[in-house]
Amino acid sequence: MAIISMFYGIIISMYFFDNQKHKLPHIHVKYQDQEAVFSITEGELISGNLKSNKTRLV
């Protein structure tokens, strides 16, 4: 797991070989006990959930 960025308690990471679950290029976001996956190209939420104010920051 490569951590790309950390800010305001949000950790954004990317896995090198993570094409099993999601086929789109994506990032993994963790904030406290919440986890979400966002598409890189569209910026849309693929799976998981995140507080709305933290989603705007991502």
N, C-alpha and C. Protein backbone atom coordinates (compact mmCIF):
# COMPACT_ATOMS: atom_id res chain seq x y z
N MET A 1 0.85 -1.17 0.00
CA MET A 1 0.00 0.00 0.00
C MET A 1 0.90 1.24 0.00
N ALA A 2 0.69 2.09 -0.95
CA ALA A 2 1.43 3.34 -1.02
C ALA A 2 0.52 4.47 -0.55
N ILE A 3 0.95 5.18 0.47
CA ILE A 3 0.17 6.32 0.95
C ILE A 3 0.53 7.51 0.07
N ILE A 4 -0.48 8.07 -0.55
CA ILE A 4 -0.28 9.20 -1.46
C ILE A 4 -0.34 10.52 -0.71
N SER A 5 -1.30 10.64 0.22
CA SER A 5 -1.48 11.90 0.92
C SER A 5 -2.16 11.66 2.26
N MET A 6 -1.85 12.55 3.21
CA MET A 6 -2.51 12.55 4.52
C MET A 6 -2.82 13.99 4.88
N PHE A 7 -4.08 14.29 5.16
CA PHE A 7 -4.47 15.64 5.56
C PHE A 7 -5.78 15.59 6.35
N TYR A 8 -5.88 16.40 7.37
CA TYR A 8 -7.08 16.49 8.22
C TYR A 8 -7.56 15.12 8.70
N GLY A 9 -6.66 14.20 8.93
CA GLY A 9 -7.03 12.86 9.39
C GLY A 9 -7.45 11.92 8.28
N ILE A 10 -7.40 12.38 7.03
CA ILE A 10 -7.77 11.57 5.88
C ILE A 10 -6.50 10.95 5.31
N ILE A 11 -6.54 9.66 5.05
CA ILE A 11 -5.40 8.96 4.45
C ILE A 11 -5.82 8.46 3.08
N ILE A 12 -5.10 8.88 2.04
CA ILE A 12 -5.37 8.46 0.68
C ILE A 12 -4.25 7.52 0.25
N SER A 13 -4.63 6.34 -0.21
CA SER A 13 -3.63 5.35 -0.60
C SER A 13 -4.04 4.67 -1.90
N MET A 14 -3.04 4.02 -2.49
CA MET A 14 -3.26 3.30 -3.73
C MET A 14 -2.52 1.97 -3.64
N TYR A 15 -3.17 0.92 -4.10
CA TYR A 15 -2.57 -0.40 -4.11
C TYR A 15 -2.08 -0.71 -5.52
N PHE A 16 -0.90 -1.28 -5.63
CA PHE A 16 -0.32 -1.56 -6.94
C PHE A 16 -1.09 -2.64 -7.69
N PHE A 17 -1.38 -3.76 -7.04
CA PHE A 17 -2.09 -4.87 -7.69
C PHE A 17 -3.49 -5.03 -7.12
N ASP A 18 -4.34 -4.05 -7.32
CA ASP A 18 -5.71 -4.11 -6.80
C ASP A 18 -6.70 -4.02 -7.96
N ASN A 19 -6.65 -4.95 -8.87
CA ASN A 19 -7.60 -4.95 -9.98
C ASN A 19 -8.62 -6.08 -9.84
N GLN A 20 -8.61 -6.78 -8.74
CA GLN A 20 -9.55 -7.87 -8.53
C GLN A 20 -10.96 -7.36 -8.23
N LYS A 21 -11.06 -6.40 -7.33
CA LYS A 21 -12.36 -5.93 -6.85
C LYS A 21 -12.94 -4.84 -7.75
N HIS A 22 -12.13 -3.89 -8.15
CA HIS A 22 -12.58 -2.75 -8.96
C HIS A 22 -11.74 -2.71 -10.23
N LYS A 23 -12.37 -2.55 -11.34
CA LYS A 23 -11.64 -2.52 -12.61
C LYS A 23 -11.18 -1.11 -12.97
N LEU A 24 -11.80 -0.08 -12.42
CA LEU A 24 -11.44 1.30 -12.72
C LEU A 24 -10.18 1.72 -11.95
N PRO A 25 -9.41 2.66 -12.49
CA PRO A 25 -8.32 3.24 -11.68
C PRO A 25 -8.95 3.98 -10.49
N HIS A 26 -8.45 3.70 -9.30
CA HIS A 26 -9.12 4.24 -8.12
C HIS A 26 -8.13 4.47 -6.97
N ILE A 27 -8.62 5.18 -5.95
CA ILE A 27 -7.85 5.40 -4.72
C ILE A 27 -8.69 4.92 -3.54
N HIS A 28 -8.00 4.55 -2.47
CA HIS A 28 -8.65 4.14 -1.23
C HIS A 28 -8.50 5.27 -0.23
N VAL A 29 -9.59 5.61 0.45
CA VAL A 29 -9.59 6.71 1.41
C VAL A 29 -10.04 6.18 2.76
N LYS A 30 -9.28 6.52 3.80
CA LYS A 30 -9.64 6.14 5.16
C LYS A 30 -9.73 7.40 6.01
N TYR A 31 -10.78 7.44 6.82
CA TYR A 31 -10.95 8.52 7.79
C TYR A 31 -11.59 7.93 9.03
N GLN A 32 -10.87 7.93 10.14
CA GLN A 32 -11.30 7.30 11.40
C GLN A 32 -11.72 5.87 11.13
N ASP A 33 -12.99 5.51 11.30
CA ASP A 33 -13.43 4.13 11.08
C ASP A 33 -14.14 3.95 9.75
N GLN A 34 -14.09 4.96 8.90
CA GLN A 34 -14.76 4.90 7.61
C GLN A 34 -13.76 4.64 6.49
N GLU A 35 -14.20 3.90 5.48
CA GLU A 35 -13.37 3.62 4.31
C GLU A 35 -14.21 3.79 3.07
N ALA A 36 -13.59 4.32 2.01
CA ALA A 36 -14.27 4.51 0.75
C ALA A 36 -13.28 4.34 -0.40
N VAL A 37 -13.83 4.08 -1.57
CA VAL A 37 -13.02 3.94 -2.78
C VAL A 37 -13.58 4.93 -3.81
N PHE A 38 -12.68 5.74 -4.39
CA PHE A 38 -13.08 6.74 -5.36
C PHE A 38 -12.41 6.48 -6.70
N SER A 39 -13.14 6.70 -7.77
CA SER A 39 -12.60 6.60 -9.12
C SER A 39 -11.66 7.78 -9.36
N ILE A 40 -10.51 7.52 -9.97
CA ILE A 40 -9.57 8.61 -10.26
C ILE A 40 -10.06 9.45 -11.44
N THR A 41 -10.56 8.79 -12.48
CA THR A 41 -10.95 9.52 -13.68
C THR A 41 -12.18 10.39 -13.50
N GLU A 42 -13.20 9.88 -12.79
CA GLU A 42 -14.46 10.61 -12.62
C GLU A 42 -14.58 11.29 -11.26
N GLY A 43 -13.84 10.79 -10.28
CA GLY A 43 -13.94 11.34 -8.93
C GLY A 43 -15.18 10.87 -8.19
N GLU A 44 -15.84 9.85 -8.70
CA GLU A 44 -17.07 9.35 -8.09
C GLU A 44 -16.77 8.28 -7.04
N LEU A 45 -17.67 8.17 -6.08
CA LEU A 45 -17.58 7.15 -5.05
C LEU A 45 -17.94 5.80 -5.65
N ILE A 46 -17.03 4.84 -5.57
CA ILE A 46 -17.27 3.49 -6.11
C ILE A 46 -17.88 2.60 -5.04
N SER A 47 -17.31 2.64 -3.83
CA SER A 47 -17.84 1.82 -2.74
C SER A 47 -17.47 2.44 -1.41
N GLY A 48 -18.16 2.00 -0.36
CA GLY A 48 -17.91 2.51 0.98
C GLY A 48 -18.69 3.78 1.25
N ASN A 49 -18.37 4.41 2.37
CA ASN A 49 -19.01 5.68 2.70
C ASN A 49 -18.03 6.56 3.46
N LEU A 50 -18.27 7.84 3.41
CA LEU A 50 -17.42 8.84 4.03
C LEU A 50 -18.31 10.02 4.37
N LYS A 51 -18.00 10.73 5.43
CA LYS A 51 -18.78 11.92 5.78
C LYS A 51 -18.77 12.90 4.60
N SER A 52 -19.86 13.61 4.41
CA SER A 52 -19.99 14.48 3.24
C SER A 52 -18.93 15.59 3.21
N ASN A 53 -18.58 16.15 4.37
CA ASN A 53 -17.57 17.21 4.36
C ASN A 53 -16.18 16.65 4.03
N LYS A 54 -15.91 15.42 4.40
CA LYS A 54 -14.62 14.79 4.07
C LYS A 54 -14.61 14.35 2.61
N THR A 55 -15.76 13.95 2.08
CA THR A 55 -15.86 13.60 0.67
C THR A 55 -15.52 14.80 -0.20
N ARG A 56 -15.99 15.98 0.18
CA ARG A 56 -15.67 17.20 -0.58
C ARG A 56 -14.19 17.48 -0.57
N LEU A 57 -13.52 17.20 0.54
CA LEU A 57 -12.06 17.43 0.62
C LEU A 57 -11.30 16.48 -0.30
N VAL A 58 -11.78 15.25 -0.39
CA VAL A 58 -11.10 14.28 -1.25
C VAL A 58 -11.29 14.68 -2.70
